[in-house]
Amino acid sequence: MEIAMFPTDVGESKSKYVAEVLKVIEESGLPYQLTPMATIIEGKSMEEVTSLIPKMYAALEKMGVGRVYSVVKFDIRPGKENRLQQKIESVQKHLSQG
């Protein structure tokens, strides 16, 4: 699951809010990768990763935000694990062959 979640009513800087959302992900123990525009989370099931969404929202709500923007994308491939690293390694392999 790739997710971007942040408040829109708090000014320009969003980093402290993103950090709170990341704490929720870290507490889950699921592998994740922070990128400049979103965070990618890997899990064994749809339920495992989507269960984090309300917890992320609750973390922002506790910070007093009034409006939250969120975009969620899925790449579902049953039976595959550690795809975060494997996808990167596959592209790097092709680059080195170039």
C-alpha atoms as a PDB file:
ATOM      1  CA  MET A   1       0.000   0.000   0.000  1.00  0.00           C
ATOM      2  CA  GLU A   2       1.268   3.455  -0.859  1.00  0.00           C
ATOM      3  CA  ILE A   3      -0.223   6.216   1.251  1.00  0.00           C
ATOM      4  CA  ALA A   4       0.119   9.958   1.571  1.00  0.00           C
ATOM      5  CA  MET A   5      -1.750  11.421   4.538  1.00  0.00           C
ATOM      6  CA  PHE A   6      -1.335  14.922   5.912  1.00  0.00           C
ATOM      7  CA  PRO A   7      -3.395  17.871   7.155  1.00  0.00           C
ATOM      8  CA  THR A   8      -4.224  20.709   4.794  1.00  0.00           C
ATOM      9  CA  ASP A   9      -5.146  23.321   7.381  1.00  0.00           C
ATOM     10  CA  VAL A  10      -1.837  23.746   9.234  1.00  0.00           C
ATOM     11  CA  GLY A  11       0.408  25.869   7.019  1.00  0.00           C
ATOM     12  CA  GLU A  12       3.188  24.838   4.665  1.00  0.00           C
ATOM     13  CA  SER A  13       5.311  22.455   6.752  1.00  0.00           C
ATOM     14  CA  LYS A  14       3.865  18.970   7.141  1.00  0.00           C
ATOM     15  CA  SER A  15       6.897  17.071   8.477  1.00  0.00           C
ATOM     16  CA  LYS A  16       5.836  16.857  12.130  1.00  0.00           C
ATOM     17  CA  TYR A  17       2.460  15.472  11.054  1.00  0.00           C
ATOM     18  CA  VAL A  18       4.025  12.959   8.691  1.00  0.00           C
ATOM     19  CA  ALA A  19       6.320  11.889  11.545  1.00  0.00           C
ATOM     20  CA  GLU A  20       3.281  11.101  13.712  1.00  0.00           C
ATOM     21  CA  VAL A  21       1.768   9.015  10.925  1.00  0.00           C
ATOM     22  CA  LEU A  22       5.095   7.175  10.548  1.00  0.00           C
ATOM     23  CA  LYS A  23       5.089   6.344  14.261  1.00  0.00           C
ATOM     24  CA  VAL A  24       1.843   4.436  13.713  1.00  0.00           C
ATOM     25  CA  ILE A  25       3.453   2.495  10.868  1.00  0.00           C
ATOM     26  CA  GLU A  26       6.591   1.772  12.905  1.00  0.00           C
ATOM     27  CA  GLU A  27       4.498   0.489  15.814  1.00  0.00           C
ATOM     28  CA  SER A  28       2.831  -1.989  13.443  1.00  0.00           C
ATOM     29  CA  GLY A  29       6.163  -3.666  12.715  1.00  0.00           C
ATOM     30  CA  LEU A  30       5.371  -3.814   8.997  1.00  0.00           C
ATOM     31  CA  PRO A  31       8.158  -3.034   6.526  1.00  0.00           C
ATOM     32  CA  TYR A  32       7.846   0.427   5.003  1.00  0.00           C
ATOM     33  CA  GLN A  33       9.735   2.922   2.895  1.00  0.00           C
ATOM     34  CA  LEU A  34       9.323   6.672   3.229  1.00  0.00           C
ATOM     35  CA  THR A  35       9.538   8.572  -0.061  1.00  0.00           C
ATOM     36  CA  PRO A  36       9.359  12.332  -0.658  1.00  0.00           C
ATOM     37  CA  MET A  37       5.643  12.230  -1.499  1.00  0.00           C
ATOM     38  CA  ALA A  38       4.256   9.096   0.192  1.00  0.00           C
ATOM     39  CA  THR A  39       5.064   6.048   2.286  1.00  0.00           C
ATOM     40  CA  ILE A  40       4.992   2.491   0.966  1.00  0.00           C
ATOM     41  CA  ILE A  41       3.937  -0.221   3.413  1.00  0.00           C
ATOM     42  CA  GLU A  42       4.243  -3.941   2.742  1.00  0.00           C
ATOM     43  CA  GLY A  43       1.984  -6.517   4.364  1.00  0.00           C
ATOM     44  CA  LYS A  44       0.731 -10.051   3.882  1.00  0.00           C
ATOM     45  CA  SER A  45      -2.904  -9.048   3.429  1.00  0.00           C
ATOM     46  CA  MET A  46      -5.102  -6.131   2.472  1.00  0.00           C
ATOM     47  CA  GLU A  47      -6.589  -6.138   5.978  1.00  0.00           C
ATOM     48  CA  GLU A  48      -3.159  -5.932   7.602  1.00  0.00           C
ATOM     49  CA  VAL A  49      -2.161  -2.744   5.797  1.00  0.00           C
ATOM     50  CA  THR A  50      -5.574  -1.060   5.601  1.00  0.00           C
ATOM     51  CA  SER A  51      -6.055  -1.476   9.355  1.00  0.00           C
ATOM     52  CA  LEU A  52      -3.389   1.211   9.750  1.00  0.00           C
ATOM     53  CA  ILE A  53      -5.401   3.893   7.942  1.00  0.00           C
ATOM     54  CA  PRO A  54      -7.835   4.725  10.791  1.00  0.00           C
ATOM     55  CA  LYS A  55      -4.939   4.684  13.269  1.00  0.00           C
ATOM     56  CA  MET A  56      -2.998   7.147  11.109  1.00  0.00           C
ATOM     57  CA  TYR A  57      -6.007   9.417  10.901  1.00  0.00           C
ATOM     58  CA  ALA A  58      -6.527   9.191  14.677  1.00  0.00           C
ATOM     59  CA  ALA A  59      -2.906  10.255  15.240  1.00  0.00           C
ATOM     60  CA  LEU A  60      -3.509  13.403  13.182  1.00  0.00           C
ATOM     61  CA  GLU A  61      -6.845  14.029  14.859  1.00  0.00           C
ATOM     62  CA  LYS A  62      -5.105  13.946  18.267  1.00  0.00           C
ATOM     63  CA  MET A  63      -2.840  16.725  16.987  1.00  0.00           C
ATOM     64  CA  GLY A  64      -5.904  18.912  16.466  1.00  0.00           C
ATOM     65  CA  VAL A  65      -6.011  19.004  12.689  1.00  0.00           C
ATOM     66  CA  GLY A  66      -9.299  19.883  11.045  1.00  0.00           C
ATOM     67  CA  ARG A  67      -8.828  18.614   7.507  1.00  0.00           C
ATOM     68  CA  VAL A  68      -6.829  15.633   6.249  1.00  0.00           C
ATOM     69  CA  TYR A  69      -5.820  14.857   2.662  1.00  0.00           C
ATOM     70  CA  SER A  70      -5.072  11.248   1.825  1.00  0.00           C
ATOM     71  CA  VAL A  71      -4.254   9.235  -1.285  1.00  0.00           C
ATOM     72  CA  VAL A  72      -3.986   5.443  -1.112  1.00  0.00           C
ATOM     73  CA  LYS A  73      -2.772   3.081  -3.859  1.00  0.00           C
ATOM     74  CA  PHE A  74      -2.446  -0.698  -3.882  1.00  0.00           C
ATOM     75  CA  ASP A  75      -0.269  -3.183  -5.749  1.00  0.00           C
ATOM     76  CA  ILE A  76      -1.604  -6.590  -4.735  1.00  0.00           C
ATOM     77  CA  ARG A  77       0.430  -9.675  -5.590  1.00  0.00           C
ATOM     78  CA  PRO A  78      -0.419 -12.671  -3.385  1.00  0.00           C
ATOM     79  CA  GLY A  79       2.379 -15.009  -2.408  1.00  0.00           C
ATOM     80  CA  LYS A  80       5.163 -12.469  -2.801  1.00  0.00           C
ATOM     81  CA  GLU A  81       7.077 -10.918   0.086  1.00  0.00           C
ATOM     82  CA  ASN A  82       9.916  -8.406   0.415  1.00  0.00           C
ATOM     83  CA  ARG A  83       8.829  -6.687  -2.791  1.00  0.00           C
ATOM     84  CA  LEU A  84       9.953  -3.269  -1.545  1.00  0.00           C
ATOM     85  CA  GLN A  85      13.589  -4.294  -1.833  1.00  0.00           C
ATOM     86  CA  GLN A  86      13.200  -6.704  -4.754  1.00  0.00           C
ATOM     87  CA  LYS A  87      11.640  -4.089  -7.035  1.00  0.00           C
ATOM     88  CA  ILE A  88      14.489  -1.658  -6.404  1.00  0.00           C
ATOM     89  CA  GLU A  89      17.135  -4.351  -6.906  1.00  0.00           C
ATOM     90  CA  SER A  90      15.520  -5.401 -10.197  1.00  0.00           C
ATOM     91  CA  VAL A  91      15.698  -1.867 -11.604  1.00  0.00           C
ATOM     92  CA  GLN A  92      19.272  -1.413 -10.360  1.00  0.00           C
ATOM     93  CA  LYS A  93      20.255  -4.678 -12.067  1.00  0.00           C
ATOM     94  CA  HIS A  94      18.936  -3.369 -15.380  1.00  0.00           C
ATOM     95  CA  LEU A  95      20.747  -0.057 -14.881  1.00  0.00           C
ATOM     96  CA  SER A  96      24.068  -1.805 -14.278  1.00  0.00           C
ATOM     97  CA  GLN A  97      23.628  -3.882 -17.445  1.00  0.00           C
ATOM     98  CA  GLY A  98      22.988  -0.757 -19.505  1.00  0.00           C
END
